[in-house]
Amino acid sequence: MEREQIEELFEESGYHALNSKLAYKVWLTGVWDEEDEDKIEAFIDAYSFEGEGIVTDDFLYHYRIFAYIHEKNACLGFQREIF
């Protein structure tokens, strides 16, 4: 995912402060290069970052937890459809 796309995600979610603090750093890590934009949007919508000073590593740690749970839930949903 390009830096501009990451900036747009933060802007659209209403987290303008995160955009200025994190977009560039997240882009540099490359963590979101191959990630699904819908999953990233769901993460930003699910977590509240109001009034918090957040470090890039902490932010990405929370994202990885969210992504893991999101994947497991998707697998369980698929298994339920089969049975």
PDB file of N, CA and C in Angstrom:
ATOM      1  N   MET A   1       0.846  -1.163   0.000  1.00  0.00           N
ATOM      2  CA  MET A   1       0.000   0.000   0.000  1.00  0.00           C
ATOM      3  C   MET A   1       0.899   1.236   0.000  1.00  0.00           C
ATOM      4  N   GLU A   2       0.541   2.168  -0.816  1.00  0.00           N
ATOM      5  CA  GLU A   2       1.328   3.392  -0.927  1.00  0.00           C
ATOM      6  C   GLU A   2       1.054   4.341   0.241  1.00  0.00           C
ATOM      7  N   ARG A   3       1.993   5.211   0.485  1.00  0.00           N
ATOM      8  CA  ARG A   3       1.880   6.168   1.593  1.00  0.00           C
ATOM      9  C   ARG A   3       0.620   7.025   1.467  1.00  0.00           C
ATOM     10  N   GLU A   4       0.302   7.443   0.268  1.00  0.00           N
ATOM     11  CA  GLU A   4      -0.882   8.273   0.052  1.00  0.00           C
ATOM     12  C   GLU A   4      -2.154   7.530   0.440  1.00  0.00           C
ATOM     13  N   GLN A   5      -2.203   6.233   0.155  1.00  0.00           N
ATOM     14  CA  GLN A   5      -3.363   5.422   0.522  1.00  0.00           C
ATOM     15  C   GLN A   5      -3.498   5.331   2.042  1.00  0.00           C
ATOM     16  N   ILE A   6      -2.386   5.159   2.723  1.00  0.00           N
ATOM     17  CA  ILE A   6      -2.400   5.093   4.186  1.00  0.00           C
ATOM     18  C   ILE A   6      -2.881   6.421   4.757  1.00  0.00           C
ATOM     19  N   GLU A   7      -2.387   7.508   4.204  1.00  0.00           N
ATOM     20  CA  GLU A   7      -2.823   8.829   4.660  1.00  0.00           C
ATOM     21  C   GLU A   7      -4.324   9.008   4.464  1.00  0.00           C
ATOM     22  N   GLU A   8      -4.841   8.551   3.319  1.00  0.00           N
ATOM     23  CA  GLU A   8      -6.279   8.644   3.046  1.00  0.00           C
ATOM     24  C   GLU A   8      -7.085   7.843   4.062  1.00  0.00           C
ATOM     25  N   LEU A   9      -6.612   6.646   4.410  1.00  0.00           N
ATOM     26  CA  LEU A   9      -7.323   5.823   5.392  1.00  0.00           C
ATOM     27  C   LEU A   9      -7.449   6.549   6.726  1.00  0.00           C
ATOM     28  N   PHE A  10      -6.366   7.148   7.184  1.00  0.00           N
ATOM     29  CA  PHE A  10      -6.409   7.888   8.439  1.00  0.00           C
ATOM     30  C   PHE A  10      -7.319   9.107   8.327  1.00  0.00           C
ATOM     31  N   GLU A  11      -7.240   9.809   7.207  1.00  0.00           N
ATOM     32  CA  GLU A  11      -8.069  11.005   7.014  1.00  0.00           C
ATOM     33  C   GLU A  11      -9.549  10.637   7.003  1.00  0.00           C
ATOM     34  N   GLU A  12      -9.907   9.582   6.265  1.00  0.00           N
ATOM     35  CA  GLU A  12     -11.301   9.164   6.149  1.00  0.00           C
ATOM     36  C   GLU A  12     -11.861   8.670   7.474  1.00  0.00           C
ATOM     37  N   SER A  13     -11.001   8.131   8.321  1.00  0.00           N
ATOM     38  CA  SER A  13     -11.459   7.618   9.614  1.00  0.00           C
ATOM     39  C   SER A  13     -11.608   8.721  10.649  1.00  0.00           C
ATOM     40  N   GLY A  14     -11.120   9.915  10.318  1.00  0.00           N
ATOM     41  CA  GLY A  14     -11.224  11.034  11.249  1.00  0.00           C
ATOM     42  C   GLY A  14     -10.047  11.171  12.189  1.00  0.00           C
ATOM     43  N   TYR A  15      -9.023  10.383  11.984  1.00  0.00           N
ATOM     44  CA  TYR A  15      -7.830  10.448  12.831  1.00  0.00           C
ATOM     45  C   TYR A  15      -6.742  11.273  12.149  1.00  0.00           C
ATOM     46  N   HIS A  16      -6.969  12.564  12.051  1.00  0.00           N
ATOM     47  CA  HIS A  16      -6.015  13.447  11.384  1.00  0.00           C
ATOM     48  C   HIS A  16      -4.676  13.470  12.124  1.00  0.00           C
ATOM     49  N   ALA A  17      -4.724  13.393  13.449  1.00  0.00           N
ATOM     50  CA  ALA A  17      -3.488  13.407  14.241  1.00  0.00           C
ATOM     51  C   ALA A  17      -2.661  12.147  13.968  1.00  0.00           C
ATOM     52  N   LEU A  18      -3.331  11.016  13.819  1.00  0.00           N
ATOM     53  CA  LEU A  18      -2.603   9.781  13.508  1.00  0.00           C
ATOM     54  C   LEU A  18      -1.959   9.875  12.136  1.00  0.00           C
ATOM     55  N   ASN A  19      -2.668  10.504  11.226  1.00  0.00           N
ATOM     56  CA  ASN A  19      -2.135  10.640   9.877  1.00  0.00           C
ATOM     57  C   ASN A  19      -0.781  11.322   9.903  1.00  0.00           C
ATOM     58  N   SER A  20      -0.704  12.421  10.600  1.00  0.00           N
ATOM     59  CA  SER A  20       0.549  13.167  10.611  1.00  0.00           C
ATOM     60  C   SER A  20       1.645  12.441  11.386  1.00  0.00           C
ATOM     61  N   LYS A  21       1.266  11.625  12.353  1.00  0.00           N
ATOM     62  CA  LYS A  21       2.262  10.947  13.184  1.00  0.00           C
ATOM     63  C   LYS A  21       2.675   9.581  12.645  1.00  0.00           C
ATOM     64  N   LEU A  22       1.716   8.850  12.080  1.00  0.00           N
ATOM     65  CA  LEU A  22       1.981   7.441  11.794  1.00  0.00           C
ATOM     66  C   LEU A  22       2.055   7.042  10.325  1.00  0.00           C
ATOM     67  N   ALA A  23       1.373   7.738   9.456  1.00  0.00           N
ATOM     68  CA  ALA A  23       1.266   7.276   8.066  1.00  0.00           C
ATOM     69  C   ALA A  23       2.632   6.999   7.442  1.00  0.00           C
ATOM     70  N   TYR A  24       3.531   7.933   7.577  1.00  0.00           N
ATOM     71  CA  TYR A  24       4.859   7.764   6.983  1.00  0.00           C
ATOM     72  C   TYR A  24       5.602   6.592   7.625  1.00  0.00           C
ATOM     73  N   LYS A  25       5.523   6.479   8.940  1.00  0.00           N
ATOM     74  CA  LYS A  25       6.247   5.409   9.644  1.00  0.00           C
ATOM     75  C   LYS A  25       5.674   4.034   9.311  1.00  0.00           C
ATOM     76  N   VAL A  26       4.346   3.942   9.227  1.00  0.00           N
ATOM     77  CA  VAL A  26       3.717   2.667   8.861  1.00  0.00           C
ATOM     78  C   VAL A  26       4.121   2.294   7.438  1.00  0.00           C
ATOM     79  N   TRP A  27       4.125   3.261   6.560  1.00  0.00           N
ATOM     80  CA  TRP A  27       4.523   3.011   5.176  1.00  0.00           C
ATOM     81  C   TRP A  27       5.966   2.506   5.111  1.00  0.00           C
ATOM     82  N   LEU A  28       6.850   3.110   5.893  1.00  0.00           N
ATOM     83  CA  LEU A  28       8.256   2.695   5.888  1.00  0.00           C
ATOM     84  C   LEU A  28       8.436   1.246   6.332  1.00  0.00           C
ATOM     85  N   THR A  29       7.627   0.790   7.282  1.00  0.00           N
ATOM     86  CA  THR A  29       7.773  -0.582   7.771  1.00  0.00           C
ATOM     87  C   THR A  29       7.384  -1.609   6.719  1.00  0.00           C
ATOM     88  N   GLY A  30       6.474  -1.236   5.827  1.00  0.00           N
ATOM     89  CA  GLY A  30       6.020  -2.164   4.798  1.00  0.00           C
ATOM     90  C   GLY A  30       5.013  -3.181   5.286  1.00  0.00           C
ATOM     91  N   VAL A  31       4.554  -3.056   6.517  1.00  0.00           N
ATOM     92  CA  VAL A  31       3.618  -4.024   7.092  1.00  0.00           C
ATOM     93  C   VAL A  31       2.315  -4.079   6.294  1.00  0.00           C
ATOM     94  N   TRP A  32       1.873  -2.947   5.782  1.00  0.00           N
ATOM     95  CA  TRP A  32       0.600  -2.897   5.071  1.00  0.00           C
ATOM     96  C   TRP A  32       0.752  -3.010   3.557  1.00  0.00           C
ATOM     97  N   ASP A  33       1.916  -3.365   3.076  1.00  0.00           N
ATOM     98  CA  ASP A  33       2.129  -3.449   1.625  1.00  0.00           C
ATOM     99  C   ASP A  33       1.184  -4.440   0.953  1.00  0.00           C
ATOM    100  N   GLU A  34       0.983  -5.578   1.561  1.00  0.00           N
ATOM    101  CA  GLU A  34       0.162  -6.629   0.957  1.00  0.00           C
ATOM    102  C   GLU A  34      -1.163  -6.842   1.686  1.00  0.00           C
ATOM    103  N   GLU A  35      -1.494  -5.968   2.610  1.00  0.00           N
ATOM    104  CA  GLU A  35      -2.707  -6.147   3.406  1.00  0.00           C
ATOM    105  C   GLU A  35      -3.946  -5.656   2.665  1.00  0.00           C
ATOM    106  N   ASP A  36      -5.069  -6.250   3.011  1.00  0.00           N
ATOM    107  CA  ASP A  36      -6.357  -5.882   2.445  1.00  0.00           C
ATOM    108  C   ASP A  36      -6.823  -4.559   3.054  1.00  0.00           C
ATOM    109  N   GLU A  37      -7.203  -3.627   2.217  1.00  0.00           N
ATOM    110  CA  GLU A  37      -7.611  -2.306   2.691  1.00  0.00           C
ATOM    111  C   GLU A  37      -8.835  -2.387   3.609  1.00  0.00           C
ATOM    112  N   ASP A  38      -9.748  -3.318   3.325  1.00  0.00           N
ATOM    113  CA  ASP A  38     -10.941  -3.469   4.170  1.00  0.00           C
ATOM    114  C   ASP A  38     -10.571  -3.896   5.587  1.00  0.00           C
ATOM    115  N   LYS A  39      -9.578  -4.771   5.703  1.00  0.00           N
ATOM    116  CA  LYS A  39      -9.131  -5.215   7.025  1.00  0.00           C
ATOM    117  C   LYS A  39      -8.503  -4.058   7.800  1.00  0.00           C
ATOM    118  N   ILE A  40      -7.723  -3.243   7.112  1.00  0.00           N
ATOM    119  CA  ILE A  40      -7.093  -2.093   7.759  1.00  0.00           C
ATOM    120  C   ILE A  40      -8.152  -1.089   8.205  1.00  0.00           C
ATOM    121  N   GLU A  41      -9.148  -0.846   7.351  1.00  0.00           N
ATOM    122  CA  GLU A  41     -10.236   0.065   7.720  1.00  0.00           C
ATOM    123  C   GLU A  41     -10.996  -0.462   8.934  1.00  0.00           C
ATOM    124  N   ALA A  42     -11.244  -1.770   8.960  1.00  0.00           N
ATOM    125  CA  ALA A  42     -11.944  -2.369  10.099  1.00  0.00           C
ATOM    126  C   ALA A  42     -11.140  -2.188  11.381  1.00  0.00           C
ATOM    127  N   PHE A  43      -9.829  -2.331  11.286  1.00  0.00           N
ATOM    128  CA  PHE A  43      -8.963  -2.126  12.448  1.00  0.00           C
ATOM    129  C   PHE A  43      -9.051  -0.689  12.945  1.00  0.00           C
ATOM    130  N   ILE A  44      -8.927   0.257  12.045  1.00  0.00           N
ATOM    131  CA  ILE A  44      -8.968   1.664  12.440  1.00  0.00           C
ATOM    132  C   ILE A  44     -10.326   2.015  13.043  1.00  0.00           C
ATOM    133  N   ASP A  45     -11.399   1.430  12.494  1.00  0.00           N
ATOM    134  CA  ASP A  45     -12.739   1.682  13.033  1.00  0.00           C
ATOM    135  C   ASP A  45     -12.954   1.011  14.388  1.00  0.00           C
ATOM    136  N   ALA A  46     -12.341  -0.155  14.584  1.00  0.00           N
ATOM    137  CA  ALA A  46     -12.572  -0.923  15.812  1.00  0.00           C
ATOM    138  C   ALA A  46     -11.828  -0.364  17.018  1.00  0.00           C
ATOM    139  N   TYR A  47     -10.685   0.214  16.800  1.00  0.00           N
ATOM    140  CA  TYR A  47      -9.872   0.720  17.902  1.00  0.00           C
ATOM    141  C   TYR A  47     -10.098   2.208  18.094  1.00  0.00           C
ATOM    142  N   SER A  48      -9.980   2.639  19.331  1.00  0.00           N
ATOM    143  CA  SER A  48     -10.099   4.059  19.652  1.00  0.00           C
ATOM    144  C   SER A  48      -8.725   4.595  20.021  1.00  0.00           C
ATOM    145  N   PHE A  49      -8.322   5.623  19.329  1.00  0.00           N
ATOM    146  CA  PHE A  49      -7.016   6.218  19.567  1.00  0.00           C
ATOM    147  C   PHE A  49      -7.147   7.633  20.099  1.00  0.00           C
ATOM    148  N   GLU A  50      -8.325   7.974  20.574  1.00  0.00           N
ATOM    149  CA  GLU A  50      -8.587   9.330  21.061  1.00  0.00           C
ATOM    150  C   GLU A  50      -7.715   9.647  22.268  1.00  0.00           C
ATOM    151  N   GLY A  51      -7.069  10.778  22.225  1.00  0.00           N
ATOM    152  CA  GLY A  51      -6.324  11.275  23.372  1.00  0.00           C
ATOM    153  C   GLY A  51      -5.123  10.446  23.782  1.00  0.00           C
ATOM    154  N   GLU A  52      -4.696   9.553  22.929  1.00  0.00           N
ATOM    155  CA  GLU A  52      -3.557   8.705  23.273  1.00  0.00           C
ATOM    156  C   GLU A  52      -2.331   9.132  22.483  1.00  0.00           C
ATOM    157  N   GLY A  53      -1.218   9.127  23.157  1.00  0.00           N
ATOM    158  CA  GLY A  53       0.033   9.236  22.426  1.00  0.00           C
ATOM    159  C   GLY A  53       0.397   7.820  22.027  1.00  0.00           C
ATOM    160  N   ILE A  54       0.523   7.556  20.756  1.00  0.00           N
ATOM    161  CA  ILE A  54       0.758   6.184  20.332  1.00  0.00           C
ATOM    162  C   ILE A  54       2.078   6.086  19.572  1.00  0.00           C
ATOM    163  N   VAL A  55       2.790   5.040  19.870  1.00  0.00           N
ATOM    164  CA  VAL A  55       4.072   4.759  19.236  1.00  0.00           C
ATOM    165  C   VAL A  55       3.804   3.821  18.057  1.00  0.00           C
ATOM    166  N   THR A  56       4.546   3.978  17.005  1.00  0.00           N
ATOM    167  CA  THR A  56       4.339   3.175  15.802  1.00  0.00           C
ATOM    168  C   THR A  56       4.395   1.684  16.105  1.00  0.00           C
ATOM    169  N   ASP A  57       5.358   1.252  16.889  1.00  0.00           N
ATOM    170  CA  ASP A  57       5.472  -0.174  17.221  1.00  0.00           C
ATOM    171  C   ASP A  57       4.237  -0.672  17.961  1.00  0.00           C
ATOM    172  N   ASP A  58       3.724   0.113  18.895  1.00  0.00           N
ATOM    173  CA  ASP A  58       2.515  -0.271  19.632  1.00  0.00           C
ATOM    174  C   ASP A  58       1.316  -0.345  18.695  1.00  0.00           C
ATOM    175  N   PHE A  59       1.193   0.634  17.820  1.00  0.00           N
ATOM    176  CA  PHE A  59       0.103   0.669  16.851  1.00  0.00           C
ATOM    177  C   PHE A  59       0.115  -0.585  15.982  1.00  0.00           C
ATOM    178  N   LEU A  60       1.282  -0.941  15.459  1.00  0.00           N
ATOM    179  CA  LEU A  60       1.392  -2.114  14.597  1.00  0.00           C
ATOM    180  C   LEU A  60       1.227  -3.413  15.375  1.00  0.00           C
ATOM    181  N   TYR A  61       1.612  -3.424  16.634  1.00  0.00           N
ATOM    182  CA  TYR A  61       1.385  -4.586  17.493  1.00  0.00           C
ATOM    183  C   TYR A  61      -0.117  -4.838  17.624  1.00  0.00           C
ATOM    184  N   HIS A  62      -0.869  -3.783  17.896  1.00  0.00           N
ATOM    185  CA  HIS A  62      -2.326  -3.914  17.997  1.00  0.00           C
ATOM    186  C   HIS A  62      -2.924  -4.347  16.656  1.00  0.00           C
ATOM    187  N   TYR A  63      -2.366  -3.841  15.569  1.00  0.00           N
ATOM    188  CA  TYR A  63      -2.864  -4.246  14.253  1.00  0.00           C
ATOM    189  C   TYR A  63      -2.631  -5.738  14.018  1.00  0.00           C
ATOM    190  N   ARG A  64      -1.462  -6.225  14.373  1.00  0.00           N
ATOM    191  CA  ARG A  64      -1.162  -7.646  14.163  1.00  0.00           C
ATOM    192  C   ARG A  64      -2.108  -8.535  14.966  1.00  0.00           C
ATOM    193  N   ILE A  65      -2.425  -8.137  16.182  1.00  0.00           N
ATOM    194  CA  ILE A  65      -3.390  -8.891  16.993  1.00  0.00           C
ATOM    195  C   ILE A  65      -4.751  -8.877  16.307  1.00  0.00           C
ATOM    196  N   PHE A  66      -5.187  -7.700  15.880  1.00  0.00           N
ATOM    197  CA  PHE A  66      -6.466  -7.572  15.193  1.00  0.00           C
ATOM    198  C   PHE A  66      -6.491  -8.434  13.929  1.00  0.00           C
ATOM    199  N   ALA A  67      -5.424  -8.385  13.135  1.00  0.00           N
ATOM    200  CA  ALA A  67      -5.367  -9.147  11.888  1.00  0.00           C
ATOM    201  C   ALA A  67      -5.438 -10.650  12.161  1.00  0.00           C
ATOM    202  N   TYR A  68      -4.773 -11.106  13.210  1.00  0.00           N
ATOM    203  CA  TYR A  68      -4.804 -12.525  13.575  1.00  0.00           C
ATOM    204  C   TYR A  68      -6.228 -12.946  13.942  1.00  0.00           C
ATOM    205  N   ILE A  69      -6.881 -12.164  14.773  1.00  0.00           N
ATOM    206  CA  ILE A  69      -8.257 -12.468  15.177  1.00  0.00           C
ATOM    207  C   ILE A  69      -9.185 -12.402  13.969  1.00  0.00           C
ATOM    208  N   HIS A  70      -8.993 -11.428  13.130  1.00  0.00           N
ATOM    209  CA  HIS A  70      -9.808 -11.260  11.925  1.00  0.00           C
ATOM    210  C   HIS A  70      -9.683 -12.493  11.031  1.00  0.00           C
ATOM    211  N   GLU A  71      -8.477 -12.990  10.849  1.00  0.00           N
ATOM    212  CA  GLU A  71      -8.241 -14.192  10.045  1.00  0.00           C
ATOM    213  C   GLU A  71      -8.909 -15.412  10.652  1.00  0.00           C
ATOM    214  N   LYS A  72      -8.751 -15.590  11.964  1.00  0.00           N
ATOM    215  CA  LYS A  72      -9.342 -16.750  12.641  1.00  0.00           C
ATOM    216  C   LYS A  72     -10.861 -16.713  12.550  1.00  0.00           C
ATOM    217  N   ASN A  73     -11.446 -15.542  12.723  1.00  0.00           N
ATOM    218  CA  ASN A  73     -12.896 -15.410  12.611  1.00  0.00           C
ATOM    219  C   ASN A  73     -13.367 -15.705  11.194  1.00  0.00           C
ATOM    220  N   ALA A  74     -12.604 -15.295  10.205  1.00  0.00           N
ATOM    221  CA  ALA A  74     -12.955 -15.567   8.814  1.00  0.00           C
ATOM    222  C   ALA A  74     -12.912 -17.069   8.545  1.00  0.00           C
ATOM    223  N   CYS A  75     -11.914 -17.756   9.097  1.00  0.00           N
ATOM    224  CA  CYS A  75     -11.809 -19.209   8.928  1.00  0.00           C
ATOM    225  C   CYS A  75     -12.967 -19.916   9.606  1.00  0.00           C
ATOM    226  N   LEU A  76     -13.335 -19.475  10.793  1.00  0.00           N
ATOM    227  CA  LEU A  76     -14.453 -20.084  11.507  1.00  0.00           C
ATOM    228  C   LEU A  76     -15.757 -19.858  10.762  1.00  0.00           C
ATOM    229  N   GLY A  77     -15.931 -18.677  10.208  1.00  0.00           N
ATOM    230  CA  GLY A  77     -17.130 -18.384   9.427  1.00  0.00           C
ATOM    231  C   GLY A  77     -17.215 -19.268   8.204  1.00  0.00           C
ATOM    232  N   PHE A  78     -16.084 -19.526   7.563  1.00  0.00           N
ATOM    233  CA  PHE A  78     -16.035 -20.399   6.401  1.00  0.00           C
ATOM    234  C   PHE A  78     -16.388 -21.824   6.800  1.00  0.00           C
ATOM    235  N   GLN A  79     -15.871 -22.298   7.934  1.00  0.00           N
ATOM    236  CA  GLN A  79     -16.155 -23.651   8.397  1.00  0.00           C
ATOM    237  C   GLN A  79     -17.627 -23.808   8.740  1.00  0.00           C
ATOM    238  N   ARG A  80     -18.242 -22.786   9.316  1.00  0.00           N
ATOM    239  CA  ARG A  80     -19.666 -22.857   9.652  1.00  0.00           C
ATOM    240  C   ARG A  80     -20.515 -22.973   8.396  1.00  0.00           C
ATOM    241  N   GLU A  81     -20.118 -22.301   7.326  1.00  0.00           N
ATOM    242  CA  GLU A  81     -20.868 -22.370   6.083  1.00  0.00           C
ATOM    243  C   GLU A  81     -20.806 -23.760   5.477  1.00  0.00           C
ATOM    244  N   ILE A  82     -19.683 -24.452   5.658  1.00  0.00           N
ATOM    245  CA  ILE A  82     -19.515 -25.785   5.091  1.00  0.00           C
ATOM    246  C   ILE A  82     -20.442 -26.775   5.786  1.00  0.00           C
ATOM    247  N   PHE A  83     -20.545 -26.655   7.112  1.00  0.00           N
ATOM    248  CA  PHE A  83     -21.328 -27.623   7.876  1.00  0.00           C
ATOM    249  C   PHE A  83     -22.693 -27.130   8.007  1.00  0.00           C
TER     250      PHE A  83
END
